[in-house]
Every structure is written in structure tokens, then in C-alpha cells.
N, C-alpha and C. Protein backbone atom coordinates (compact mmCIF):
# COMPACT_ATOMS: atom_id res chain seq x y z
N MET A 1 59.06 -54.28 27.51
CA MET A 1 59.26 -53.42 28.62
C MET A 1 60.44 -52.14 27.86
N SER A 2 60.15 -51.12 27.67
CA SER A 2 61.35 -50.04 27.19
C SER A 2 62.68 -50.02 28.47
N PRO A 3 63.68 -50.02 27.57
CA PRO A 3 65.22 -50.44 28.47
C PRO A 3 64.99 -50.07 29.60
N LEU A 4 64.09 -48.48 29.48
CA LEU A 4 65.11 -47.37 30.59
C LEU A 4 64.01 -47.64 31.54
N THR A 5 62.79 -48.76 32.04
CA THR A 5 62.11 -48.95 32.91
C THR A 5 62.72 -49.50 33.98
N SER A 6 62.40 -49.30 35.10
CA SER A 6 63.21 -49.40 36.42
C SER A 6 62.59 -50.75 36.73
N PRO A 7 63.64 -51.91 37.07
CA PRO A 7 62.91 -52.97 37.54
C PRO A 7 63.25 -53.15 39.10
N SER A 8 62.37 -53.27 40.32
CA SER A 8 62.21 -53.42 41.54
C SER A 8 63.63 -53.45 41.96
N PRO A 9 64.08 -53.22 42.96
CA PRO A 9 65.30 -53.32 44.17
C PRO A 9 65.25 -54.73 44.72
N GLU A 10 64.14 -55.53 44.45
CA GLU A 10 64.34 -56.78 44.49
C GLU A 10 64.39 -57.95 43.47
N THR A 11 64.28 -57.19 42.82
CA THR A 11 64.52 -58.18 41.32
C THR A 11 66.11 -58.17 40.80
N VAL A 12 66.73 -56.56 41.14
CA VAL A 12 68.05 -56.84 41.02
C VAL A 12 68.61 -57.34 41.94
N ARG A 13 68.15 -57.98 43.06
CA ARG A 13 68.86 -58.39 44.01
C ARG A 13 68.85 -59.70 43.67
N ALA A 14 68.14 -60.03 43.53
CA ALA A 14 67.49 -61.46 43.07
C ALA A 14 68.37 -61.75 42.32
N TYR A 15 68.57 -61.08 40.88
CA TYR A 15 69.08 -61.66 40.17
C TYR A 15 70.65 -61.56 39.89
N ASP A 16 71.01 -60.97 40.90
CA ASP A 16 72.41 -60.73 41.28
C ASP A 16 72.90 -61.61 42.14
N ARG A 17 71.99 -62.74 42.30
CA ARG A 17 71.94 -63.43 43.90
C ARG A 17 72.32 -64.62 42.72
N ALA A 18 71.24 -64.71 41.80
CA ALA A 18 71.31 -65.86 40.86
C ALA A 18 72.53 -65.99 40.38
N ALA A 19 73.27 -65.17 39.69
CA ALA A 19 74.40 -65.10 38.66
C ALA A 19 75.34 -65.67 39.42
N PRO A 20 76.48 -66.41 38.10
CA PRO A 20 77.72 -67.61 38.65
C PRO A 20 78.68 -66.65 39.57
N PRO A 21 79.02 -67.25 40.66
CA PRO A 21 80.21 -65.96 41.43
C PRO A 21 81.25 -66.01 40.46
N PRO A 22 81.91 -65.26 41.05
CA PRO A 22 83.45 -65.01 40.37
C PRO A 22 84.14 -65.98 40.34
N GLU A 23 84.55 -66.71 40.91
CA GLU A 23 85.10 -67.96 41.09
C GLU A 23 84.59 -69.31 39.71
N ARG A 24 83.18 -68.88 39.03
CA ARG A 24 82.73 -70.02 37.71
C ARG A 24 83.22 -68.96 36.97
N THR A 25 83.90 -67.73 37.03
CA THR A 25 83.47 -66.96 35.20
C THR A 25 85.02 -67.03 34.90
N ARG A 26 85.47 -66.44 33.28
CA ARG A 26 86.52 -65.98 33.69
C ARG A 26 86.52 -65.05 33.12
N THR A 27 87.53 -64.58 32.76
CA THR A 27 87.60 -62.64 32.12
C THR A 27 88.41 -62.51 31.04
N ALA A 28 88.29 -61.36 30.46
CA ALA A 28 88.61 -60.87 28.88
C ALA A 28 88.74 -59.18 29.22
N THR A 29 89.66 -59.25 28.75
CA THR A 29 89.81 -57.46 28.50
C THR A 29 90.55 -57.14 27.46
N PHE A 30 89.66 -56.00 26.83
CA PHE A 30 89.77 -55.34 25.69
C PHE A 30 90.10 -53.77 25.86
N GLY A 31 90.50 -53.37 24.81
CA GLY A 31 90.46 -51.59 24.50
C GLY A 31 90.16 -51.74 23.30
N LEU A 32 88.74 -50.80 23.27
CA LEU A 32 88.84 -50.32 21.90
C LEU A 32 87.94 -48.97 21.79
N GLY A 33 88.95 -48.60 21.87
CA GLY A 33 88.57 -46.66 22.28
C GLY A 33 87.97 -46.37 23.64
N CYS A 34 86.90 -45.46 23.28
CA CYS A 34 86.56 -44.68 24.80
C CYS A 34 85.51 -46.05 25.30
N PHE A 35 85.93 -46.56 26.65
CA PHE A 35 85.12 -47.49 27.22
C PHE A 35 84.02 -47.77 27.63
N TRP A 36 83.01 -46.51 27.47
CA TRP A 36 81.66 -46.49 28.16
C TRP A 36 81.03 -47.16 26.93
N GLY A 37 81.16 -47.45 25.78
CA GLY A 37 80.36 -48.26 24.65
C GLY A 37 80.45 -49.45 24.70
N PRO A 38 82.22 -49.91 24.74
CA PRO A 38 81.97 -51.30 24.96
C PRO A 38 81.71 -52.16 26.61
N ASP A 39 81.57 -51.08 27.35
CA ASP A 39 81.19 -51.57 28.50
C ASP A 39 79.58 -51.99 28.53
N ALA A 40 78.76 -51.56 28.03
CA ALA A 40 77.39 -51.76 27.87
C ALA A 40 77.68 -52.57 27.01
N ARG A 41 78.06 -52.79 25.69
CA ARG A 41 77.82 -53.32 24.70
C ARG A 41 78.20 -55.18 25.10
N PHE A 42 79.32 -55.02 25.91
CA PHE A 42 79.44 -56.64 26.24
C PHE A 42 78.50 -57.02 27.51
N GLY A 43 78.28 -56.21 28.04
CA GLY A 43 77.01 -56.02 29.59
C GLY A 43 76.06 -56.50 28.94
N ALA A 44 76.07 -56.26 27.74
CA ALA A 44 74.46 -56.87 27.32
C ALA A 44 74.30 -58.16 26.78
N LEU A 45 75.28 -58.90 26.08
CA LEU A 45 75.82 -60.13 25.91
C LEU A 45 75.37 -61.35 26.52
N ASP A 46 74.28 -62.19 26.12
CA ASP A 46 74.27 -63.61 26.60
C ASP A 46 75.14 -63.86 27.28
N GLY A 47 75.33 -64.42 28.54
CA GLY A 47 76.58 -65.36 28.83
C GLY A 47 77.63 -64.22 29.82
N VAL A 48 77.76 -62.99 29.25
CA VAL A 48 78.32 -62.56 30.10
C VAL A 48 78.00 -61.48 31.69
N VAL A 49 78.34 -61.79 32.59
CA VAL A 49 78.07 -62.03 34.08
C VAL A 49 78.35 -60.37 34.33
N ARG A 50 79.66 -60.28 34.50
CA ARG A 50 79.99 -58.67 34.95
C ARG A 50 80.78 -57.85 34.17
N THR A 51 80.99 -56.58 33.82
CA THR A 51 81.80 -56.03 33.44
C THR A 51 82.69 -54.86 34.50
N ARG A 52 83.79 -54.16 34.11
CA ARG A 52 84.12 -53.29 34.54
C ARG A 52 85.07 -52.15 34.04
N VAL A 53 85.04 -51.28 33.73
CA VAL A 53 86.58 -50.56 33.10
C VAL A 53 87.19 -49.97 33.89
N GLY A 54 88.64 -49.68 33.23
CA GLY A 54 89.29 -49.07 33.98
C GLY A 54 90.78 -48.99 32.76
N TYR A 55 92.04 -49.45 33.40
CA TYR A 55 93.00 -48.82 32.65
C TYR A 55 93.80 -49.80 32.65
N ALA A 56 94.75 -49.94 31.60
CA ALA A 56 95.91 -51.23 31.76
C ALA A 56 96.93 -51.43 30.25
N GLY A 57 97.70 -52.02 30.02
CA GLY A 57 98.31 -52.08 28.86
C GLY A 57 100.08 -50.94 28.89
N GLY A 58 100.05 -50.64 30.04
CA GLY A 58 100.79 -49.96 30.41
C GLY A 58 101.96 -50.04 31.65
N THR A 59 102.37 -49.53 31.96
CA THR A 59 103.76 -49.36 33.07
C THR A 59 103.71 -48.56 33.65
N THR A 60 103.06 -47.17 34.15
CA THR A 60 102.97 -46.67 35.21
C THR A 60 101.58 -47.34 35.99
N PRO A 61 102.53 -46.80 37.33
CA PRO A 61 101.79 -47.52 38.91
C PRO A 61 100.69 -46.10 38.56
N GLU A 62 99.54 -46.89 39.35
CA GLU A 62 98.51 -46.38 39.48
C GLU A 62 97.75 -45.09 38.89
N PRO A 63 97.46 -45.40 37.43
CA PRO A 63 96.98 -44.59 36.24
C PRO A 63 95.48 -44.09 36.79
N THR A 64 94.91 -42.63 36.63
CA THR A 64 94.00 -42.12 36.63
C THR A 64 93.33 -41.43 35.59
N TYR A 65 91.94 -41.14 35.43
CA TYR A 65 91.63 -40.63 33.57
C TYR A 65 92.43 -39.74 33.71
N HIS A 66 92.90 -38.72 34.86
CA HIS A 66 93.72 -37.38 34.29
C HIS A 66 95.01 -37.85 34.48
N ASP A 67 95.39 -39.07 34.78
CA ASP A 67 97.01 -38.74 34.49
C ASP A 67 97.35 -40.71 34.16
N LEU A 68 96.66 -40.84 32.48
CA LEU A 68 96.53 -42.32 32.30
C LEU A 68 98.44 -42.48 31.74
N ALA A 69 99.07 -41.85 31.74
CA ALA A 69 100.72 -41.95 30.72
C ALA A 69 100.68 -42.64 29.87
N ASP A 70 100.95 -44.31 29.88
CA ASP A 70 101.05 -44.58 28.91
C ASP A 70 99.89 -45.97 28.89
N HIS A 71 98.88 -45.86 29.93
CA HIS A 71 97.83 -46.38 29.73
C HIS A 71 96.85 -46.56 28.55
N THR A 72 95.86 -47.73 28.85
CA THR A 72 94.99 -47.91 27.71
C THR A 72 93.53 -48.02 28.33
N GLU A 73 92.22 -46.82 27.94
CA GLU A 73 91.35 -47.05 28.64
C GLU A 73 90.76 -48.52 28.24
N VAL A 74 90.06 -49.56 29.47
CA VAL A 74 89.75 -50.99 28.69
C VAL A 74 88.52 -51.49 29.43
N VAL A 75 87.65 -52.59 28.68
CA VAL A 75 86.78 -52.90 29.89
C VAL A 75 86.91 -54.44 29.81
N GLN A 76 87.03 -54.94 31.15
CA GLN A 76 87.36 -56.34 31.62
C GLN A 76 85.86 -56.84 31.80
N VAL A 77 85.62 -57.88 31.04
CA VAL A 77 84.30 -59.07 31.00
C VAL A 77 84.63 -60.18 31.61
N ASP A 78 84.20 -60.55 32.97
CA ASP A 78 83.70 -61.80 33.66
C ASP A 78 82.87 -62.59 32.81
N TYR A 79 82.73 -63.33 32.26
CA TYR A 79 81.93 -64.36 31.42
C TYR A 79 81.99 -65.66 31.82
N ASP A 80 80.53 -66.62 31.42
CA ASP A 80 80.42 -68.03 31.84
C ASP A 80 80.54 -68.95 30.47
N PRO A 81 81.79 -69.96 31.41
CA PRO A 81 82.45 -70.44 30.20
C PRO A 81 81.31 -71.69 29.78
N GLU A 82 80.67 -71.87 30.52
CA GLU A 82 79.46 -72.72 29.60
C GLU A 82 78.17 -72.27 29.01
N ARG A 83 78.43 -70.36 28.70
CA ARG A 83 77.51 -70.19 27.77
C ARG A 83 78.43 -69.53 27.01
N LEU A 84 78.86 -69.01 26.81
CA LEU A 84 80.14 -68.16 26.15
C LEU A 84 81.69 -68.13 26.03
N ARG A 85 81.72 -68.51 24.25
CA ARG A 85 83.49 -69.00 24.41
C ARG A 85 84.24 -67.94 24.32
N TYR A 86 85.73 -67.66 24.42
CA TYR A 86 86.35 -66.55 24.50
C TYR A 86 86.63 -66.43 22.97
N ALA A 87 86.80 -67.27 21.62
CA ALA A 87 86.30 -66.96 21.03
C ALA A 87 85.05 -65.96 20.09
N ASP A 88 84.18 -66.05 20.82
CA ASP A 88 82.92 -65.33 20.62
C ASP A 88 83.31 -63.79 21.48
N LEU A 89 83.46 -64.23 22.20
CA LEU A 89 83.88 -62.16 22.60
C LEU A 89 85.14 -61.82 21.64
N LEU A 90 86.03 -62.44 21.30
CA LEU A 90 87.04 -61.85 20.41
C LEU A 90 86.42 -61.53 19.33
N ARG A 91 85.06 -62.16 19.03
CA ARG A 91 84.59 -61.82 17.40
C ARG A 91 84.06 -60.36 17.60
N VAL A 92 82.98 -60.36 18.86
CA VAL A 92 82.51 -59.11 19.39
C VAL A 92 83.72 -58.29 18.98
N ALA A 93 84.88 -57.85 19.64
CA ALA A 93 86.00 -57.29 19.98
C ALA A 93 86.29 -56.55 18.87
N PHE A 94 86.07 -58.04 17.47
CA PHE A 94 87.34 -57.34 16.36
C PHE A 94 86.27 -56.66 15.44
N ASP A 95 85.22 -57.14 15.75
CA ASP A 95 83.96 -56.79 15.13
C ASP A 95 83.45 -55.28 15.52
N ALA A 96 83.96 -54.43 16.26
CA ALA A 96 83.82 -53.25 16.99
C ALA A 96 84.61 -52.58 16.78
N HIS A 97 86.14 -52.72 15.61
CA HIS A 97 86.87 -51.80 15.84
C HIS A 97 87.71 -52.63 14.46
N ASP A 98 87.98 -51.17 13.86
CA ASP A 98 89.21 -51.49 12.37
C ASP A 98 90.76 -52.15 13.46
N TYR A 99 90.91 -53.17 13.08
CA TYR A 99 91.83 -53.81 13.40
C TYR A 99 93.01 -53.73 12.80
N ARG A 100 92.75 -52.62 11.48
CA ARG A 100 93.99 -51.95 10.51
C ARG A 100 94.69 -50.94 11.30
N ARG A 101 94.15 -50.34 11.68
CA ARG A 101 94.40 -49.37 12.40
C ARG A 101 94.57 -48.85 13.80
N GLN A 102 95.53 -48.16 14.36
CA GLN A 102 95.58 -47.77 15.46
C GLN A 102 95.26 -46.34 15.93
N PRO A 103 94.60 -45.84 16.95
CA PRO A 103 94.61 -44.64 17.01
C PRO A 103 95.46 -43.90 17.40
N ARG A 104 95.63 -42.90 17.25
CA ARG A 104 97.44 -42.18 17.82
C ARG A 104 97.17 -42.31 19.13
N ALA A 105 96.02 -41.45 19.79
CA ALA A 105 96.04 -41.58 21.64
C ALA A 105 96.22 -42.80 22.11
N ARG A 106 97.46 -42.85 22.90
CA ARG A 106 97.58 -44.49 23.43
C ARG A 106 96.19 -44.83 24.19
N GLN A 107 95.47 -43.29 24.76
CA GLN A 107 94.39 -43.55 25.60
C GLN A 107 93.60 -44.59 25.06
N TYR A 108 92.63 -44.44 24.04
CA TYR A 108 91.51 -45.26 23.37
C TYR A 108 92.62 -46.01 22.11
N GLN A 109 93.94 -46.61 22.15
CA GLN A 109 94.21 -47.46 21.50
C GLN A 109 93.58 -48.66 21.63
N HIS A 110 93.43 -50.04 20.56
CA HIS A 110 92.98 -51.37 19.78
C HIS A 110 93.65 -51.90 21.06
N LEU A 111 93.63 -52.91 22.10
CA LEU A 111 94.19 -53.78 22.28
C LEU A 111 93.48 -55.35 23.22
N VAL A 112 93.99 -55.92 23.08
CA VAL A 112 93.69 -57.58 23.61
C VAL A 112 94.11 -57.78 24.64
N LEU A 113 94.28 -58.02 25.59
CA LEU A 113 95.21 -58.36 26.80
C LEU A 113 94.55 -60.17 27.21
N HIS A 114 95.20 -60.66 26.89
CA HIS A 114 95.19 -61.86 27.51
C HIS A 114 95.48 -62.58 28.74
N ALA A 115 94.71 -63.43 29.03
CA ALA A 115 95.40 -64.19 30.61
C ALA A 115 96.04 -65.17 30.13
N PRO A 116 97.11 -65.72 31.11
CA PRO A 116 98.07 -66.61 30.38
C PRO A 116 97.52 -67.56 29.92
N GLY A 117 98.62 -68.35 29.01
CA GLY A 117 97.59 -69.47 28.10
C GLY A 117 96.89 -69.11 27.17
N ARG A 118 96.53 -67.93 26.89
CA ARG A 118 95.14 -67.37 25.91
C ARG A 118 95.93 -66.84 24.87
N ARG A 119 96.95 -66.84 24.62
CA ARG A 119 97.75 -66.09 23.59
C ARG A 119 97.33 -67.05 22.55
N ASP A 120 97.65 -68.29 22.30
CA ASP A 120 97.87 -68.91 21.50
C ASP A 120 96.10 -69.15 20.38
N GLU A 121 95.04 -69.01 21.41
CA GLU A 121 93.63 -68.80 21.16
C GLU A 121 93.55 -67.22 20.15
N VAL A 122 94.19 -66.44 20.99
CA VAL A 122 93.91 -64.97 20.06
C VAL A 122 94.72 -65.28 18.68
N ALA A 123 95.72 -65.84 18.82
CA ALA A 123 96.75 -66.09 17.58
C ALA A 123 95.22 -67.01 16.73
N SER A 124 94.89 -68.29 17.23
CA SER A 124 94.33 -68.93 15.91
C SER A 124 93.41 -68.01 15.91
N PHE A 125 92.31 -67.32 16.42
CA PHE A 125 91.36 -66.66 16.20
C PHE A 125 91.48 -65.79 14.90
N LEU A 126 93.13 -65.08 14.70
CA LEU A 126 93.45 -64.16 14.22
C LEU A 126 93.43 -64.73 12.79
N ALA A 127 94.36 -65.78 12.45
CA ALA A 127 94.80 -66.87 11.76
C ALA A 127 93.52 -67.29 10.96
N ASP A 128 92.29 -67.49 11.40
CA ASP A 128 91.18 -67.96 10.79
C ASP A 128 90.73 -66.71 10.47
N ARG A 129 90.70 -65.43 10.94
CA ARG A 129 90.01 -64.60 10.43
C ARG A 129 90.52 -63.38 9.55
N VAL A 130 92.03 -63.15 9.73
CA VAL A 130 92.62 -62.27 8.79
C VAL A 130 93.64 -62.81 7.82
N ALA A 131 93.60 -62.49 6.66
CA ALA A 131 94.58 -62.67 5.70
C ALA A 131 95.91 -62.66 5.21
N ASP A 132 95.76 -61.51 5.94
CA ASP A 132 97.09 -61.06 6.28
C ASP A 132 97.54 -60.54 8.00
N PRO A 133 98.29 -61.52 8.79
CA PRO A 133 98.07 -61.16 10.07
C PRO A 133 99.58 -60.21 10.14
N ASP A 134 100.34 -59.73 9.24
CA ASP A 134 100.72 -58.50 9.54
C ASP A 134 100.38 -57.07 8.80
N ALA A 135 99.15 -57.66 9.25
CA ALA A 135 97.95 -56.35 8.34
C ALA A 135 97.80 -55.99 9.98
N VAL A 136 97.66 -56.51 10.96
CA VAL A 136 96.66 -56.58 12.18
C VAL A 136 97.76 -55.23 12.99
N ALA A 137 96.80 -54.15 13.31
CA ALA A 137 97.45 -53.05 14.13
C ALA A 137 97.09 -53.22 15.47
N THR A 138 96.16 -53.81 15.89
CA THR A 138 95.66 -54.16 17.39
C THR A 138 96.94 -54.97 17.91
N ARG A 139 97.29 -54.09 19.12
CA ARG A 139 98.04 -55.07 20.45
C ARG A 139 97.41 -56.24 20.70
N VAL A 140 97.81 -57.05 20.98
CA VAL A 140 98.00 -58.54 21.71
C VAL A 140 98.95 -58.19 22.40
N GLU A 141 98.73 -58.60 23.83
CA GLU A 141 99.44 -58.44 24.35
C GLU A 141 99.19 -59.27 26.18
N ALA A 142 99.84 -59.42 26.72
CA ALA A 142 99.91 -60.39 28.29
C ALA A 142 99.14 -59.20 28.84
N LEU A 143 97.94 -59.58 29.92
CA LEU A 143 97.38 -58.99 31.06
C LEU A 143 98.56 -58.64 32.16
N ASP A 144 98.73 -57.53 32.36
CA ASP A 144 100.21 -57.57 33.61
C ASP A 144 99.35 -56.81 34.97
N ALA A 145 98.36 -55.95 34.36
CA ALA A 145 97.15 -55.34 35.56
C ALA A 145 96.34 -54.54 34.77
N PHE A 146 95.34 -54.34 36.19
CA PHE A 146 94.28 -53.84 35.68
C PHE A 146 93.79 -52.90 37.17
N THR A 147 93.30 -51.54 36.45
CA THR A 147 93.59 -50.70 37.58
C THR A 147 91.76 -50.26 37.13
N PRO A 148 90.75 -49.97 38.30
CA PRO A 148 90.04 -49.68 37.72
C PRO A 148 89.45 -48.36 37.71
N ALA A 149 88.41 -48.00 36.82
CA ALA A 149 88.66 -46.34 36.47
C ALA A 149 88.01 -45.83 37.55
N GLU A 150 87.69 -44.60 37.98
CA GLU A 150 86.99 -43.85 38.63
C GLU A 150 85.75 -44.60 38.72
N ASP A 151 84.61 -44.35 39.70
CA ASP A 151 83.70 -45.16 40.28
C ASP A 151 82.50 -44.31 39.34
N TYR A 152 82.73 -42.40 38.68
CA TYR A 152 81.64 -41.98 37.81
C TYR A 152 81.57 -42.76 36.44
N HIS A 153 82.97 -43.27 36.01
CA HIS A 153 83.01 -44.28 34.93
C HIS A 153 82.06 -45.54 34.92
N GLN A 154 81.87 -46.17 35.62
CA GLN A 154 81.79 -47.19 35.82
C GLN A 154 80.29 -47.41 35.84
N LYS A 155 79.52 -48.38 34.52
CA LYS A 155 78.30 -48.17 34.26
C LYS A 155 77.71 -46.99 34.08
N TYR A 156 78.68 -45.97 33.13
CA TYR A 156 78.12 -44.66 32.85
C TYR A 156 76.80 -44.49 32.20
N ARG A 157 76.19 -45.23 31.70
CA ARG A 157 75.08 -45.29 30.60
C ARG A 157 73.86 -45.40 31.85
N LEU A 158 73.76 -46.11 32.55
CA LEU A 158 73.09 -46.65 33.58
C LEU A 158 73.17 -45.62 34.47
N ARG A 159 74.27 -44.79 34.94
CA ARG A 159 73.72 -43.74 36.01
C ARG A 159 73.17 -42.49 35.57
N ALA A 160 73.70 -42.36 34.36
CA ALA A 160 72.05 -41.37 34.20
C ALA A 160 70.83 -41.89 33.29
N ALA A 161 70.12 -43.27 33.44
CA ALA A 161 69.05 -43.94 33.56
C ALA A 161 68.24 -43.91 34.51
N PRO A 162 67.09 -43.87 34.45
CA PRO A 162 66.25 -44.16 35.70
C PRO A 162 66.37 -45.21 36.32
N THR A 163 66.65 -46.74 35.56
CA THR A 163 67.01 -47.42 36.39
C THR A 163 67.82 -47.53 37.59
N LEU A 164 68.58 -46.76 37.40
CA LEU A 164 69.47 -46.77 38.76
C LEU A 164 68.94 -46.50 39.93
N ALA A 165 67.82 -45.70 39.81
CA ALA A 165 67.00 -46.01 41.43
C ALA A 165 66.78 -47.22 41.82
N ALA A 166 66.74 -47.91 41.03
CA ALA A 166 66.89 -50.01 41.69
C ALA A 166 68.12 -50.37 42.62
N PHE A 167 68.91 -49.56 42.29
CA PHE A 167 70.19 -49.36 42.71
C PHE A 167 70.65 -48.85 44.40
N THR A 168 69.58 -48.31 45.17
CA THR A 168 69.81 -47.24 46.05
C THR A 168 70.26 -48.40 47.25
N ALA A 169 70.67 -49.13 47.39
CA ALA A 169 71.28 -50.02 48.79
C ALA A 169 72.67 -50.49 47.48
N TYR A 170 72.91 -49.95 46.79
CA TYR A 170 74.70 -50.57 46.23
C TYR A 170 75.18 -49.35 46.44
N ASP A 171 76.08 -49.53 47.25
CA ASP A 171 77.22 -48.83 47.21
C ASP A 171 78.09 -48.87 45.27
N ASP A 172 79.46 -47.90 45.62
CA ASP A 172 79.66 -48.13 44.41
C ASP A 172 80.77 -49.26 43.31
N ARG A 173 81.39 -50.05 44.29
CA ARG A 173 81.60 -51.23 44.08
C ARG A 173 81.00 -52.24 44.45
N ALA A 174 79.84 -52.34 44.94
CA ALA A 174 78.85 -53.09 44.71
C ALA A 174 78.13 -52.55 42.82
N LEU A 175 77.63 -51.18 42.95
CA LEU A 175 77.58 -51.12 41.43
C LEU A 175 78.45 -51.77 40.50
N ARG A 176 79.43 -51.71 40.32
CA ARG A 176 80.06 -51.51 39.44
C ARG A 176 80.75 -53.37 39.20
N GLU A 177 80.27 -53.61 40.57
CA GLU A 177 80.04 -55.81 40.11
C GLU A 177 79.20 -56.19 40.00
N SER A 178 78.12 -55.64 39.71
CA SER A 178 76.64 -56.37 39.87
C SER A 178 76.52 -56.70 38.67
N PRO A 179 75.97 -57.86 38.22
CA PRO A 179 75.25 -58.48 37.37
C PRO A 179 74.44 -57.74 36.63
N ALA A 180 73.21 -57.43 37.64
CA ALA A 180 72.06 -56.93 37.23
C ALA A 180 72.52 -55.18 36.39
N ALA A 181 73.59 -54.80 36.89
CA ALA A 181 73.95 -53.40 36.54
C ALA A 181 74.79 -53.76 35.09
N ALA A 182 75.24 -54.58 35.06
CA ALA A 182 76.01 -54.73 33.75
C ALA A 182 74.88 -54.66 32.19
N LYS A 183 73.74 -55.62 32.83
CA LYS A 183 72.74 -56.01 31.84
C LYS A 183 71.86 -54.37 31.53
N LEU A 184 71.74 -53.62 32.25
CA LEU A 184 70.82 -52.39 32.73
C LEU A 184 71.91 -51.61 31.96
N ASN A 185 72.93 -51.45 31.73
CA ASN A 185 73.54 -50.19 31.62
C ASN A 185 73.92 -50.79 30.18
N GLY A 186 73.98 -52.27 29.62
CA GLY A 186 73.70 -52.32 27.92
C GLY A 186 72.23 -51.69 27.97
N ALA A 187 70.98 -51.95 28.50
CA ALA A 187 69.86 -51.49 28.15
C ALA A 187 69.63 -50.13 28.10
N ALA A 188 70.70 -49.27 28.74
CA ALA A 188 70.66 -47.70 28.62
C ALA A 188 70.87 -47.46 27.19
N ALA A 189 71.99 -48.44 27.00
CA ALA A 189 72.42 -47.62 26.01
C ALA A 189 71.79 -48.46 24.56
N GLY A 190 70.83 -48.78 24.47
CA GLY A 190 69.50 -49.30 23.62
C GLY A 190 69.71 -51.02 23.55
N HIS A 191 70.68 -51.09 23.98
CA HIS A 191 69.93 -52.99 23.99
C HIS A 191 69.34 -53.83 25.23
N ASP A 192 68.36 -54.42 24.72
CA ASP A 192 67.39 -55.58 24.99
C ASP A 192 68.02 -56.09 26.36
N PRO A 193 67.52 -55.45 27.70
CA PRO A 193 67.54 -56.06 29.05
C PRO A 193 67.19 -58.05 29.54
N PRO A 194 67.74 -58.34 29.75
CA PRO A 194 67.14 -60.07 29.72
C PRO A 194 65.88 -60.16 30.42
N PRO A 195 65.36 -61.34 30.20
CA PRO A 195 63.36 -61.22 30.98
C PRO A 195 63.94 -61.37 31.84
N ALA A 196 64.48 -61.71 32.90
CA ALA A 196 64.51 -61.73 34.31
C ALA A 196 64.21 -59.95 34.88
N LEU A 197 65.12 -59.12 34.16
CA LEU A 197 64.97 -58.04 34.27
C LEU A 197 64.19 -57.00 33.44
N GLY A 198 63.23 -57.84 32.92
CA GLY A 198 62.07 -57.11 32.21
C GLY A 198 62.09 -57.01 30.80
N GLY A 199 63.09 -57.19 30.30
CA GLY A 199 63.01 -57.78 28.96
C GLY A 199 62.50 -59.41 28.12
N ARG A 200 62.64 -58.66 26.73
CA ARG A 200 61.76 -59.86 26.36
C ARG A 200 62.38 -60.86 26.55
């Protein structure tokens, strides 16, 4: 199947119903530059259930795309801990950027926002991977708050693809939180969709 072939609405709804519910997933949050690419990259991973893009890492309340203030564009990833480890997501995140350099624009900075109790896992990952921890420019901080980005940023690649036709019954929030949309957003960016959605 071409990544842009549209599955039926019934196939999409069945895929979403079969996905683990939010209470059975864990969440990881990363800033890796413009959030459209990481949203598609993480969404395509086996074991990732849902993705959403937004703003985090700052102190200004209610950031928006046109008024980010001190926030950074981030992708938030809900994953099934029975199929994917946090360290696997850290590996993908660190493979996707140069951890020794930090973009000047705060909007696009490199950032790992960890949940409570996860800082040691990030430190352990970096100790195994990086010879000089002092060379790490990527910000590693506790996640304080996450503000979802505007609807037109969610599943950005999918919104421009014919596969969007399968989501005619979904409102913007349902599209943002749909496991099928996460996978098909990845497919629209060139990653293979899972077999249940027509992939190999």
C-alpha cells in the first residue's frame, strides 16, 4: 500500500478502539525543533499509541503559536510500556538532533521534559551514551505544564494527505488523540503504516 492510500473510516475506528486506553500508556515529551517532523517520526514507531504537539518548557501562561514567549515547540508521545521502553524513545530523540548544540531561538530548542521520577533514567541514558556529560546542551527539565498547539498543527502531514478522508466523523480533538491518526500522520511523512491500516 502507498503510505497515502486512505483506509476506510471503519478501519480507522476499529484501530482506535483496539488501541490501549490512556490509563495504560505512559507519556514522554521532547522538543526537537519544529514539532511537525517529530510528531510524524514518533507516531510511526511501533509501541507509540498517540501523539500531540504543543508548547512547554516555559513559564508564560497560555502560550500560542503567535505568542510563545519563553516556551518551546514539543511533541508529546503516549506509548505502551509493554512494547516500548522510555530509553527507546530517548534514543530516537537524541538520534534526531545534535545534543552538543542548542538553537538560539527558544521556540525550536532541544528539550527533554521528564515526568516525576524519570530524571535518573535520562541521566543514566546520557551516562551510557555521552562521553562528556558537560557537553550536553539539550535541556533536561521536569515537565511542569503542556499546552496543546492549535488544531491546524496537530497531525500536520495527515491534514494535507488523502488519508484524512477516513476521519470525516472526527472532530479536531478526536483527530489529535486518535492512534490511527498518529500512524497515518507518520505514513503521510513517508513512514510505513502498520498492517492494520494497510501497511506491510
